[in-house]
Every structure is written in C-alpha cells, then in structure tokens.
C-alpha cells in the first residue's frame, strides 16, 4: 500500500507490509499504472474497477475532453482579443 505523497509518505516502505485482514477498502480508480520505471501500462491509465473486477478505461474520453477544453480556451481568448 502506498500513500499519495510518494517521496515523503509513511507507507509500506517504512513500516513493512500490511496484513491482508487489515485492508478495509477496495480499489475504485486507477490513476496511473507502471510496469517498471519506463514501461507505462496505457490500458490501465484512468480506469475504473467495477465489482466484477473488470477495468473500464476512460483515458480516451479524458483526452478528448482535455483537448476540447484547451481548444475552447484558445478560441475564446482569440475571439476576445
């Protein structure tokens, strides 16, 4: 188990492994997933884990919305100038 602040957190690297009976929650959202240092697992980025255990990735819709937002912002700035 790892905390949010990876470089300065008190997590399993400091105090050891967490016994399985102490884990109360379950994963819901996978923000990023890496296999080693230089190998991103793109199919797992921005994915949601459902009760059946199957992941559904929202990376492509997220990128579409992100580029749409930047495009709209650029268009609005150009229109107002």
PDB file of N, CA and C in Angstrom:
ATOM      1  N   UNK A   1       0.853  -1.166   0.000  1.00  0.00           N
ATOM      2  CA  UNK A   1       0.000   0.000   0.000  1.00  0.00           C
ATOM      3  C   UNK A   1       0.894   1.222   0.000  1.00  0.00           C
ATOM      4  N   UNK A   2       0.515   2.214  -0.767  1.00  0.00           N
ATOM      5  CA  UNK A   2       1.342   3.400  -0.889  1.00  0.00           C
ATOM      6  C   UNK A   2       0.472   4.641  -0.760  1.00  0.00           C
ATOM      7  N   UNK A   3       1.022   5.650  -0.138  1.00  0.00           N
ATOM      8  CA  UNK A   3       0.297   6.894   0.052  1.00  0.00           C
ATOM      9  C   UNK A   3       0.373   7.808  -1.149  1.00  0.00           C
ATOM     10  N   UNK A   4      -0.282   8.966  -1.054  1.00  0.00           N
ATOM     11  CA  UNK A   4      -0.315   9.936  -2.147  1.00  0.00           C
ATOM     12  C   UNK A   4       1.042  10.598  -2.355  1.00  0.00           C
ATOM     13  N   UNK A   5       1.656  11.009  -1.280  1.00  0.00           N
ATOM     14  CA  UNK A   5       2.914  11.729  -1.348  1.00  0.00           C
ATOM     15  C   UNK A   5       4.052  10.715  -1.386  1.00  0.00           C
ATOM     16  N   UNK A   6       4.353  10.229  -2.561  1.00  0.00           N
ATOM     17  CA  UNK A   6       5.249   9.094  -2.741  1.00  0.00           C
ATOM     18  C   UNK A   6       6.634   9.317  -2.155  1.00  0.00           C
ATOM     19  N   UNK A   7       7.175  10.523  -2.272  1.00  0.00           N
ATOM     20  CA  UNK A   7       8.539  10.764  -1.831  1.00  0.00           C
ATOM     21  C   UNK A   7       8.659  11.020  -0.337  1.00  0.00           C
ATOM     22  N   UNK A   8       7.580  11.428   0.302  1.00  0.00           N
ATOM     23  CA  UNK A   8       7.667  11.796   1.711  1.00  0.00           C
ATOM     24  C   UNK A   8       6.498  11.210   2.499  1.00  0.00           C
ATOM     25  N   UNK A   9       6.130   9.976   2.205  1.00  0.00           N
ATOM     26  CA  UNK A   9       4.986   9.413   2.918  1.00  0.00           C
ATOM     27  C   UNK A   9       5.424   8.275   3.833  1.00  0.00           C
ATOM     28  N   UNK A  10       4.633   8.053   4.811  1.00  0.00           N
ATOM     29  CA  UNK A  10       4.858   6.931   5.734  1.00  0.00           C
ATOM     30  C   UNK A  10       3.978   5.781   5.258  1.00  0.00           C
ATOM     31  N   UNK A  11       4.513   4.946   4.413  1.00  0.00           N
ATOM     32  CA  UNK A  11       3.720   3.856   3.850  1.00  0.00           C
ATOM     33  C   UNK A  11       4.444   2.527   4.058  1.00  0.00           C
ATOM     34  N   UNK A  12       4.106   1.538   3.275  1.00  0.00           N
ATOM     35  CA  UNK A  12       4.627   0.188   3.468  1.00  0.00           C
ATOM     36  C   UNK A  12       6.141   0.109   3.343  1.00  0.00           C
ATOM     37  N   UNK A  13       6.749   1.056   2.627  1.00  0.00           N
ATOM     38  CA  UNK A  13       8.206   1.033   2.526  1.00  0.00           C
ATOM     39  C   UNK A  13       8.858   1.379   3.858  1.00  0.00           C
ATOM     40  N   UNK A  14       8.140   2.081   4.724  1.00  0.00           N
ATOM     41  CA  UNK A  14       8.685   2.491   6.021  1.00  0.00           C
ATOM     42  C   UNK A  14       8.398   1.465   7.095  1.00  0.00           C
ATOM     43  N   UNK A  15       7.159   1.021   7.210  1.00  0.00           N
ATOM     44  CA  UNK A  15       6.777   0.154   8.322  1.00  0.00           C
ATOM     45  C   UNK A  15       6.447  -1.270   7.920  1.00  0.00           C
ATOM     46  N   UNK A  16       6.693  -1.656   6.665  1.00  0.00           N
ATOM     47  CA  UNK A  16       6.519  -3.049   6.253  1.00  0.00           C
ATOM     48  C   UNK A  16       5.171  -3.322   5.602  1.00  0.00           C
ATOM     49  N   UNK A  17       4.967  -4.563   5.259  1.00  0.00           N
ATOM     50  CA  UNK A  17       3.745  -4.960   4.577  1.00  0.00           C
ATOM     51  C   UNK A  17       2.521  -4.852   5.479  1.00  0.00           C
ATOM     52  N   UNK A  18       1.361  -4.620   4.870  1.00  0.00           N
ATOM     53  CA  UNK A  18       0.099  -4.565   5.585  1.00  0.00           C
ATOM     54  C   UNK A  18      -0.541  -5.946   5.531  1.00  0.00           C
ATOM     55  N   UNK A  19      -0.915  -6.509   6.675  1.00  0.00           N
ATOM     56  CA  UNK A  19      -1.603  -7.805   6.638  1.00  0.00           C
ATOM     57  C   UNK A  19      -2.920  -7.682   5.875  1.00  0.00           C
ATOM     58  N   UNK A  20      -3.284  -8.716   5.146  1.00  0.00           N
ATOM     59  CA  UNK A  20      -4.466  -8.655   4.298  1.00  0.00           C
ATOM     60  C   UNK A  20      -5.742  -8.424   5.108  1.00  0.00           C
ATOM     61  N   UNK A  21      -5.817  -8.917   6.345  1.00  0.00           N
ATOM     62  CA  UNK A  21      -7.030  -8.714   7.137  1.00  0.00           C
ATOM     63  C   UNK A  21      -7.149  -7.283   7.659  1.00  0.00           C
ATOM     64  N   UNK A  22      -6.101  -6.448   7.485  1.00  0.00           N
ATOM     65  CA  UNK A  22      -6.157  -5.051   7.887  1.00  0.00           C
ATOM     66  C   UNK A  22      -6.632  -4.129   6.755  1.00  0.00           C
ATOM     67  N   UNK A  23      -6.705  -4.653   5.539  1.00  0.00           N
ATOM     68  CA  UNK A  23      -7.134  -3.851   4.389  1.00  0.00           C
ATOM     69  C   UNK A  23      -8.654  -3.831   4.366  1.00  0.00           C
ATOM     70  N   UNK A  24      -9.213  -2.630   4.475  1.00  0.00           N
ATOM     71  CA  UNK A  24     -10.666  -2.500   4.594  1.00  0.00           C
ATOM     72  C   UNK A  24     -11.300  -2.127   3.259  1.00  0.00           C
ATOM     73  N   UNK A  25     -10.659  -1.287   2.476  1.00  0.00           N
ATOM     74  CA  UNK A  25     -11.239  -0.785   1.231  1.00  0.00           C
ATOM     75  C   UNK A  25     -10.930  -1.664   0.044  1.00  0.00           C
ATOM     76  N   UNK A  26     -11.314  -1.174  -1.112  1.00  0.00           N
ATOM     77  CA  UNK A  26     -11.028  -1.857  -2.362  1.00  0.00           C
ATOM     78  C   UNK A  26     -10.684  -0.793  -3.403  1.00  0.00           C
ATOM     79  N   UNK A  27      -9.960  -1.156  -4.450  1.00  0.00           N
ATOM     80  CA  UNK A  27      -9.616  -0.157  -5.466  1.00  0.00           C
ATOM     81  C   UNK A  27     -10.851   0.253  -6.252  1.00  0.00           C
ATOM     82  N   UNK A  28     -10.936   1.532  -6.562  1.00  0.00           N
ATOM     83  CA  UNK A  28     -12.050   2.044  -7.346  1.00  0.00           C
ATOM     84  C   UNK A  28     -11.544   2.692  -8.622  1.00  0.00           C
ATOM     85  N   UNK A  29     -10.452   3.438  -8.535  1.00  0.00           N
ATOM     86  CA  UNK A  29      -9.944   4.185  -9.675  1.00  0.00           C
ATOM     87  C   UNK A  29      -8.436   3.996  -9.782  1.00  0.00           C
ATOM     88  N   UNK A  30      -7.948   3.681 -10.969  1.00  0.00           N
ATOM     89  CA  UNK A  30      -6.510   3.549 -11.218  1.00  0.00           C
ATOM     90  C   UNK A  30      -6.083   4.772 -12.000  1.00  0.00           C
ATOM     91  N   UNK A  31      -5.278   5.626 -11.371  1.00  0.00           N
ATOM     92  CA  UNK A  31      -4.838   6.865 -11.992  1.00  0.00           C
ATOM     93  C   UNK A  31      -3.733   6.591 -13.016  1.00  0.00           C
ATOM     94  N   UNK A  32      -2.679   5.929 -12.593  1.00  0.00           N
ATOM     95  CA  UNK A  32      -1.578   5.564 -13.466  1.00  0.00           C
ATOM     96  C   UNK A  32      -1.082   4.178 -13.069  1.00  0.00           C
ATOM     97  N   UNK A  33      -0.532   3.463 -14.029  1.00  0.00           N
ATOM     98  CA  UNK A  33      -0.002   2.138 -13.744  1.00  0.00           C
ATOM     99  C   UNK A  33       1.284   1.950 -14.530  1.00  0.00           C
ATOM    100  N   UNK A  34       2.350   1.603 -13.829  1.00  0.00           N
ATOM    101  CA  UNK A  34       3.652   1.428 -14.447  1.00  0.00           C
ATOM    102  C   UNK A  34       4.159   0.024 -14.178  1.00  0.00           C
ATOM    103  N   UNK A  35       4.792  -0.556 -15.170  1.00  0.00           N
ATOM    104  CA  UNK A  35       5.457  -1.841 -15.031  1.00  0.00           C
ATOM    105  C   UNK A  35       6.948  -1.562 -15.141  1.00  0.00           C
ATOM    106  N   UNK A  36       7.571  -1.264 -14.034  1.00  0.00           N
ATOM    107  CA  UNK A  36       8.946  -0.810 -14.048  1.00  0.00           C
ATOM    108  C   UNK A  36       8.986   0.708 -14.162  1.00  0.00           C
ATOM    109  N   UNK A  37      10.163   1.242 -14.419  1.00  0.00           N
ATOM    110  CA  UNK A  37      10.308   2.692 -14.454  1.00  0.00           C
ATOM    111  C   UNK A  37       9.885   3.284 -15.794  1.00  0.00           C
ATOM    112  N   UNK A  38      10.190   2.614 -16.893  1.00  0.00           N
ATOM    113  CA  UNK A  38       9.948   3.199 -18.209  1.00  0.00           C
ATOM    114  C   UNK A  38       8.836   2.519 -18.993  1.00  0.00           C
ATOM    115  N   UNK A  39       8.048   1.686 -18.376  1.00  0.00           N
ATOM    116  CA  UNK A  39       7.020   0.945 -19.108  1.00  0.00           C
ATOM    117  C   UNK A  39       5.630   1.258 -18.578  1.00  0.00           C
ATOM    118  N   UNK A  40       4.973   2.292 -19.115  1.00  0.00           N
ATOM    119  CA  UNK A  40       3.602   2.566 -18.668  1.00  0.00           C
ATOM    120  C   UNK A  40       2.639   1.524 -19.233  1.00  0.00           C
ATOM    121  N   UNK A  41       1.644   1.166 -18.432  1.00  0.00           N
ATOM    122  CA  UNK A  41       0.585   0.268 -18.906  1.00  0.00           C
ATOM    123  C   UNK A  41      -0.595   1.140 -19.309  1.00  0.00           C
ATOM    124  N   UNK A  42      -0.605   1.565 -20.599  1.00  0.00           N
ATOM    125  CA  UNK A  42      -1.581   2.543 -21.079  1.00  0.00           C
ATOM    126  C   UNK A  42      -3.016   2.055 -20.930  1.00  0.00           C
ATOM    127  N   UNK A  43      -3.257   0.761 -21.046  1.00  0.00           N
ATOM    128  CA  UNK A  43      -4.634   0.255 -20.955  1.00  0.00           C
ATOM    129  C   UNK A  43      -5.214   0.396 -19.553  1.00  0.00           C
ATOM    130  N   UNK A  44      -4.363   0.663 -18.549  1.00  0.00           N
ATOM    131  CA  UNK A  44      -4.841   0.808 -17.174  1.00  0.00           C
ATOM    132  C   UNK A  44      -4.936   2.257 -16.718  1.00  0.00           C
ATOM    133  N   UNK A  45      -4.395   3.227 -17.491  1.00  0.00           N
ATOM    134  CA  UNK A  45      -4.468   4.633 -17.111  1.00  0.00           C
ATOM    135  C   UNK A  45      -5.922   5.083 -17.090  1.00  0.00           C
ATOM    136  N   UNK A  46      -6.311   5.833 -16.088  1.00  0.00           N
ATOM    137  CA  UNK A  46      -7.656   6.392 -15.927  1.00  0.00           C
ATOM    138  C   UNK A  46      -8.729   5.319 -16.036  1.00  0.00           C
ATOM    139  N   UNK A  47      -8.536   4.206 -15.359  1.00  0.00           N
ATOM    140  CA  UNK A  47      -9.529   3.141 -15.437  1.00  0.00           C
ATOM    141  C   UNK A  47     -10.255   2.984 -14.107  1.00  0.00           C
ATOM    142  N   UNK A  48     -11.485   2.518 -14.210  1.00  0.00           N
ATOM    143  CA  UNK A  48     -12.342   2.302 -13.048  1.00  0.00           C
ATOM    144  C   UNK A  48     -12.493   0.803 -12.859  1.00  0.00           C
ATOM    145  N   UNK A  49     -12.372   0.353 -11.619  1.00  0.00           N
ATOM    146  CA  UNK A  49     -12.523  -1.062 -11.302  1.00  0.00           C
ATOM    147  C   UNK A  49     -13.938  -1.274 -10.788  1.00  0.00           C
ATOM    148  N   UNK A  50     -14.684  -2.124 -11.456  1.00  0.00           N
ATOM    149  CA  UNK A  50     -16.061  -2.416 -11.049  1.00  0.00           C
ATOM    150  C   UNK A  50     -16.088  -3.610 -10.099  1.00  0.00           C
ATOM    151  N   UNK A  51     -17.249  -3.924  -9.566  1.00  0.00           N
ATOM    152  CA  UNK A  51     -17.393  -5.026  -8.624  1.00  0.00           C
ATOM    153  C   UNK A  51     -17.008  -6.372  -9.197  1.00  0.00           C
ATOM    154  N   UNK A  52     -17.169  -6.549 -10.496  1.00  0.00           N
ATOM    155  CA  UNK A  52     -16.820  -7.827 -11.114  1.00  0.00           C
ATOM    156  C   UNK A  52     -15.313  -7.960 -11.311  1.00  0.00           C
ATOM    157  N   UNK A  53     -14.573  -6.883 -11.066  1.00  0.00           N
ATOM    158  CA  UNK A  53     -13.129  -6.929 -11.214  1.00  0.00           C
ATOM    159  C   UNK A  53     -12.643  -6.504 -12.581  1.00  0.00           C
ATOM    160  N   UNK A  54     -13.543  -6.235 -13.528  1.00  0.00           N
ATOM    161  CA  UNK A  54     -13.131  -5.810 -14.862  1.00  0.00           C
ATOM    162  C   UNK A  54     -12.865  -4.307 -14.851  1.00  0.00           C
ATOM    163  N   UNK A  55     -11.783  -3.907 -15.537  1.00  0.00           N
ATOM    164  CA  UNK A  55     -11.439  -2.495 -15.618  1.00  0.00           C
ATOM    165  C   UNK A  55     -12.074  -1.878 -16.854  1.00  0.00           C
ATOM    166  N   UNK A  56     -12.508  -0.646 -16.711  1.00  0.00           N
ATOM    167  CA  UNK A  56     -13.013   0.132 -17.833  1.00  0.00           C
ATOM    168  C   UNK A  56     -12.162   1.388 -17.896  1.00  0.00           C
ATOM    169  N   UNK A  57     -11.465   1.601 -19.012  1.00  0.00           N
ATOM    170  CA  UNK A  57     -10.558   2.735 -19.132  1.00  0.00           C
ATOM    171  C   UNK A  57     -11.294   3.939 -19.692  1.00  0.00           C
ATOM    172  N   UNK A  58     -11.030   5.098 -19.114  1.00  0.00           N
ATOM    173  CA  UNK A  58     -11.594   6.361 -19.564  1.00  0.00           C
ATOM    174  C   UNK A  58     -10.496   7.289 -20.068  1.00  0.00           C
ATOM    175  N   UNK A  59      -9.370   6.727 -20.523  1.00  0.00           N
ATOM    176  CA  UNK A  59      -8.256   7.540 -20.994  1.00  0.00           C
ATOM    177  C   UNK A  59      -8.639   8.314 -22.258  1.00  0.00           C
ATOM    178  N   UNK A  60      -9.229   7.665 -23.236  1.00  0.00           N
ATOM    179  CA  UNK A  60      -9.574   8.338 -24.492  1.00  0.00           C
ATOM    180  C   UNK A  60     -10.622   9.429 -24.263  1.00  0.00           C
ATOM    181  N   UNK A  61     -11.732   9.165 -23.546  1.00  0.00           N
ATOM    182  CA  UNK A  61     -12.671  10.278 -23.280  1.00  0.00           C
ATOM    183  C   UNK A  61     -12.023  11.416 -22.498  1.00  0.00           C
ATOM    184  N   UNK A  62     -11.128  11.104 -21.562  1.00  0.00           N
ATOM    185  CA  UNK A  62     -10.443  12.151 -20.816  1.00  0.00           C
ATOM    186  C   UNK A  62      -9.594  13.008 -21.749  1.00  0.00           C
ATOM    187  N   UNK A  63      -8.850  12.377 -22.660  1.00  0.00           N
ATOM    188  CA  UNK A  63      -8.026  13.135 -23.595  1.00  0.00           C
ATOM    189  C   UNK A  63      -8.869  13.989 -24.532  1.00  0.00           C
ATOM    190  N   UNK A  64     -10.011  13.470 -24.972  1.00  0.00           N
ATOM    191  CA  UNK A  64     -10.909  14.246 -25.838  1.00  0.00           C
ATOM    192  C   UNK A  64     -11.413  15.481 -25.104  1.00  0.00           C
ATOM    193  N   UNK A  65     -11.851  15.321 -23.860  1.00  0.00           N
ATOM    194  CA  UNK A  65     -12.333  16.452 -23.071  1.00  0.00           C
ATOM    195  C   UNK A  65     -11.202  17.442 -22.809  1.00  0.00           C
ATOM    196  N   UNK A  66     -10.007  16.936 -22.505  1.00  0.00           N
ATOM    197  CA  UNK A  66      -8.863  17.807 -22.232  1.00  0.00           C
ATOM    198  C   UNK A  66      -8.504  18.646 -23.457  1.00  0.00           C
ATOM    199  N   UNK A  67      -8.396  18.020 -24.622  1.00  0.00           N
ATOM    200  CA  UNK A  67      -8.079  18.773 -25.837  1.00  0.00           C
ATOM    201  C   UNK A  67      -9.221  19.708 -26.211  1.00  0.00           C
ATOM    202  N   UNK A  68     -10.455  19.294 -25.987  1.00  0.00           N
ATOM    203  CA  UNK A  68     -11.596  20.175 -26.234  1.00  0.00           C
ATOM    204  C   UNK A  68     -11.552  21.407 -25.357  1.00  0.00           C
ATOM    205  N   UNK A  69     -11.201  21.224 -24.102  1.00  0.00           N
ATOM    206  CA  UNK A  69     -11.115  22.360 -23.175  1.00  0.00           C
ATOM    207  C   UNK A  69     -10.030  23.344 -23.600  1.00  0.00           C
ATOM    208  N   UNK A  70      -8.847  22.818 -23.940  1.00  0.00           N
ATOM    209  CA  UNK A  70      -7.765  23.704 -24.387  1.00  0.00           C
ATOM    210  C   UNK A  70      -8.126  24.393 -25.703  1.00  0.00           C
ATOM    211  N   UNK A  71      -8.767  23.674 -26.596  1.00  0.00           N
ATOM    212  CA  UNK A  71      -9.192  24.278 -27.858  1.00  0.00           C
ATOM    213  C   UNK A  71     -10.219  25.369 -27.640  1.00  0.00           C
ATOM    214  N   UNK A  72     -11.191  25.130 -26.777  1.00  0.00           N
ATOM    215  CA  UNK A  72     -12.203  26.131 -26.474  1.00  0.00           C
ATOM    216  C   UNK A  72     -11.588  27.354 -25.810  1.00  0.00           C
ATOM    217  N   UNK A  73     -10.646  27.139 -24.889  1.00  0.00           N
ATOM    218  CA  UNK A  73      -9.977  28.266 -24.222  1.00  0.00           C
ATOM    219  C   UNK A  73      -9.197  29.107 -25.223  1.00  0.00           C
ATOM    220  N   UNK A  74      -8.486  28.456 -26.129  1.00  0.00           N
ATOM    221  CA  UNK A  74      -7.738  29.195 -27.148  1.00  0.00           C
ATOM    222  C   UNK A  74      -8.675  29.966 -28.063  1.00  0.00           C
ATOM    223  N   UNK A  75      -9.783  29.352 -28.462  1.00  0.00           N
ATOM    224  CA  UNK A  75     -10.755  30.019 -29.318  1.00  0.00           C
ATOM    225  C   UNK A  75     -11.364  31.237 -28.624  1.00  0.00           C
ATOM    226  N   UNK A  76     -11.685  31.084 -27.340  1.00  0.00           N
ATOM    227  CA  UNK A  76     -12.291  32.184 -26.591  1.00  0.00           C
ATOM    228  C   UNK A  76     -11.310  33.336 -26.404  1.00  0.00           C
ATOM    229  N   UNK A  77     -10.036  33.039 -26.146  1.00  0.00           N
ATOM    230  CA  UNK A  77      -9.037  34.102 -25.998  1.00  0.00           C
ATOM    231  C   UNK A  77      -8.835  34.842 -27.321  1.00  0.00           C
ATOM    232  N   UNK A  78      -8.824  34.103 -28.427  1.00  0.00           N
ATOM    233  CA  UNK A  78      -8.641  34.726 -29.726  1.00  0.00           C
ATOM    234  C   UNK A  78      -9.860  35.575 -30.092  1.00  0.00           C
ATOM    235  N   UNK A  79     -11.056  35.119 -29.731  1.00  0.00           N
ATOM    236  CA  UNK A  79     -12.283  35.854 -30.041  1.00  0.00           C
ATOM    237  C   UNK A  79     -12.363  37.142 -29.231  1.00  0.00           C
ATOM    238  N   UNK A  80     -11.916  37.110 -27.971  1.00  0.00           N
ATOM    239  CA  UNK A  80     -11.995  38.280 -27.100  1.00  0.00           C
ATOM    240  C   UNK A  80     -10.913  39.304 -27.414  1.00  0.00           C
ATOM    241  N   UNK A  81      -9.855  38.898 -28.087  1.00  0.00           N
ATOM    242  CA  UNK A  81      -8.746  39.826 -28.353  1.00  0.00           C
ATOM    243  C   UNK A  81      -9.047  40.794 -29.466  1.00  0.00           C
TER     244      UNK A  81
END
